[in-house]
Protein backbone atom coordinates (compact mmCIF):
# COMPACT_ATOMS: atom_id res chain seq x y z
CA MET A 1 117.85 83.46 155.21
CA LEU A 2 119.03 80.03 154.59
CA VAL A 3 116.98 77.51 152.68
CA ALA A 4 116.34 75.44 155.82
CA ASP A 5 114.00 78.23 157.06
CA VAL A 6 111.83 78.08 154.10
CA LYS A 7 112.35 74.88 152.59
CA SER A 8 109.05 72.44 152.42
CA THR A 9 109.16 68.55 153.92
CA GLY A 10 107.08 65.78 153.43
CA VAL A 11 107.84 65.81 149.58
CA VAL A 12 105.78 63.19 148.00
CA THR A 13 108.88 61.08 146.01
CA ALA A 14 108.41 58.34 143.41
CA ARG A 15 110.98 55.56 142.11
CA SER A 16 112.57 55.03 139.26
CA THR A 17 110.73 51.62 139.32
CA GLU A 18 106.46 53.26 139.27
CA SER A 19 104.66 53.84 136.13
CA VAL A 20 104.82 57.64 135.41
CA ARG A 21 101.08 56.93 135.34
CA SER A 22 101.46 56.95 139.53
CA VAL A 23 103.73 60.12 139.08
CA VAL A 24 101.30 61.78 137.07
CA THR A 25 98.37 60.90 139.86
CA LYS A 26 100.67 62.12 142.59
CA MET A 27 101.39 65.29 141.07
CA LEU A 28 97.66 65.84 139.87
CA SER A 29 96.41 65.46 143.51
CA ARG A 30 99.10 67.64 145.47
CA HIS A 31 98.77 70.16 142.54
CA CYS A 32 102.89 70.18 141.74
CA GLY A 33 104.66 69.76 138.43
CA ALA A 34 107.38 68.03 139.72
CA VAL A 35 108.66 64.88 141.89
CA PRO A 36 111.85 64.37 143.03
CA VAL A 37 113.22 60.53 142.21
CA VAL A 38 114.74 58.49 145.32
CA GLU A 39 116.73 55.49 145.70
CA ASP A 40 117.49 53.53 149.38
CA HIS A 41 117.64 56.46 152.18
CA ASP A 42 116.10 58.76 150.53
CA ARG A 43 119.19 59.09 148.14
CA LEU A 44 118.04 61.88 145.06
CA ILE A 45 119.02 60.02 141.29
CA GLY A 46 116.93 62.07 139.22
CA MET A 47 113.20 64.05 138.72
CA VAL A 48 110.50 63.53 136.81
CA THR A 49 108.24 66.74 135.92
CA LEU A 50 104.82 66.96 133.94
CA ARG A 51 106.33 68.06 131.25
CA ASP A 52 108.47 65.34 131.03
CA VAL A 53 105.43 62.87 130.61
CA LEU A 54 105.07 65.58 127.31
CA ILE A 55 107.86 64.75 125.63
CA PRO A 56 107.56 61.09 124.82
CA LEU A 57 104.52 62.15 122.64
CA TYR A 58 106.60 64.08 119.89
CA PRO A 59 108.93 61.61 117.91
CA ASN A 60 111.53 64.36 117.46
CA TYR A 61 112.21 66.50 120.54
CA GLY A 62 112.76 69.41 118.36
CA GLU A 63 108.99 68.99 117.14
CA TYR A 64 108.55 70.31 121.01
CA ILE A 65 109.57 74.02 119.99
CA HIS A 66 107.15 75.89 117.49
CA ASP A 67 107.71 74.51 114.29
CA SER A 68 105.80 75.56 111.45
CA VAL A 69 107.83 74.29 109.16
CA HIS A 70 107.01 71.05 109.50
CA SER A 71 103.32 69.20 110.03
CA ARG A 72 102.17 67.13 112.39
CA ASP A 73 99.24 64.78 113.82
CA PHE A 74 98.49 66.08 117.11
CA ILE A 75 95.71 64.24 117.13
CA GLU A 76 97.12 61.14 116.20
CA MET A 77 100.34 62.23 118.78
CA GLU A 78 97.79 62.19 121.48
CA GLU A 79 96.81 59.26 121.42
CA GLY A 80 100.49 58.08 122.52
CA TYR A 81 99.77 59.08 125.84
CA ALA A 82 98.47 56.08 127.12
CA ASP A 83 101.36 54.31 126.29
CA VAL A 84 103.65 57.38 128.18
CA LEU A 85 101.71 56.80 131.24
CA ASN A 86 102.81 53.12 131.05
CA GLN A 87 106.68 53.76 131.06
CA LYS A 88 108.92 53.63 134.25
CA VAL A 89 109.84 57.25 135.69
CA GLY A 90 113.42 55.93 134.93
CA ASP A 91 112.44 56.30 131.35
CA VAL A 92 111.19 59.83 131.66
CA MET A 93 112.82 61.37 134.37
CA SER A 94 115.76 63.65 134.60
CA LEU A 95 119.20 62.28 135.82
CA ASN A 96 121.24 64.00 138.02
CA PRO A 97 118.80 67.13 138.82
CA LEU A 98 119.97 71.19 140.39
CA THR A 99 120.14 70.69 144.19
CA VAL A 100 120.62 73.01 146.71
CA SER A 101 121.77 72.73 150.54
CA PRO A 102 119.81 73.83 153.28
CA HIS A 103 123.10 76.00 153.91
CA ASN A 104 122.73 77.76 150.61
CA PRO A 105 121.23 81.51 151.12
CA VAL A 106 117.67 81.28 149.79
CA LEU A 107 118.52 84.48 147.27
CA GLU A 108 121.16 81.88 145.98
CA ALA A 109 118.75 79.20 145.57
CA ALA A 110 116.36 81.73 144.28
CA SER A 111 119.06 82.77 141.13
CA TYR A 112 119.73 78.49 140.04
CA MET A 113 115.45 78.60 139.65
CA GLY A 114 116.10 81.63 137.45
CA LEU A 115 118.90 80.39 135.45
CA LYS A 116 117.08 77.43 134.35
CA ASN A 117 113.73 78.58 134.39
CA PHE A 118 112.35 76.43 137.53
CA ARG A 119 109.90 77.13 140.27
CA ARG A 120 111.05 74.44 142.32
CA ILE A 121 114.05 72.64 143.30
CA PRO A 122 115.52 69.95 145.94
CA VAL A 123 117.17 70.92 148.88
CA VAL A 124 119.83 68.07 149.29
CA ASP A 125 122.02 66.93 152.20
CA HIS A 126 124.61 64.56 152.23
CA GLY A 127 123.21 63.38 148.93
CA LYS A 128 120.09 62.90 151.03
CA LEU A 129 116.28 64.52 149.92
CA VAL A 130 115.86 66.65 153.21
CA GLY A 131 112.61 68.88 151.02
CA MET A 132 112.18 71.11 148.06
CA VAL A 133 112.37 74.58 148.26
CA SER A 134 109.76 76.69 146.08
CA VAL A 135 109.51 80.61 144.16
CA GLY A 136 106.63 80.62 146.80
CA ASP A 137 108.53 79.11 150.20
CA ILE A 138 111.53 81.72 149.47
CA ASN A 139 108.70 84.66 148.66
CA ARG A 140 106.80 83.73 152.02
CA GLY A 141 110.17 83.75 154.36
CA LEU A 142 111.76 86.70 152.90
CA PHE A 143 107.72 88.61 153.18
CA PHE A 144 107.43 87.53 156.86
CA GLU A 145 111.37 87.87 157.64
CA ARG A 146 111.65 91.30 156.36
CA GLY A 147 108.07 92.55 154.84
CA HIS A 148 106.45 92.77 157.56
CA ALA A 149 109.06 95.33 159.29
CA ALA A 150 108.97 97.45 155.78
CA ILE A 151 105.52 97.79 156.18
CA GLU A 152 105.05 99.01 160.18
CA PRO A 153 106.93 102.69 160.21
CA THR A 154 105.07 102.77 157.11
CA ARG A 155 101.81 102.94 158.89
CA ALA A 156 102.97 104.66 161.81
CA ALA A 157 104.40 107.99 160.12
CA GLN A 158 100.44 108.21 158.03
CA PRO A 159 99.07 111.03 159.65
CA SER A 160 95.89 110.29 161.26
CA ALA A 161 92.31 111.40 160.36
CA PRO A 162 91.14 114.73 162.18
């Protein structure tokens, strides 16, 4: 089974010049944690995630990771959220994200996601964004391709009730 068989299309995208606020609104309304950033002709240039929106709240990146040695004023840091929302997507996005081709096997895509602890990954064909594939998409595809066949013989093998 290929990524093309399970990928989602009609993906919500963003431009690097959009405000972070507009992209967070898209993510929250669509219940997704990542939005691909594209330029002309849907050329993928980056990804912005909800995590990317939180990182700027921490003065030093290392503070995002649990550190009991340094004290922080989390309430004061939280007040900076409005400032982050006013930034441009290009200021917080990750450049050159990891991608897969629609021609990759689904388990190859799953292995990349597992290595990076990603739940979804952009699908790109010759530099153009053509969809997204998620862990759920892969499981759904495998279930309907392989799971039904494995269930049916088990049912047939069960003895009937007297």
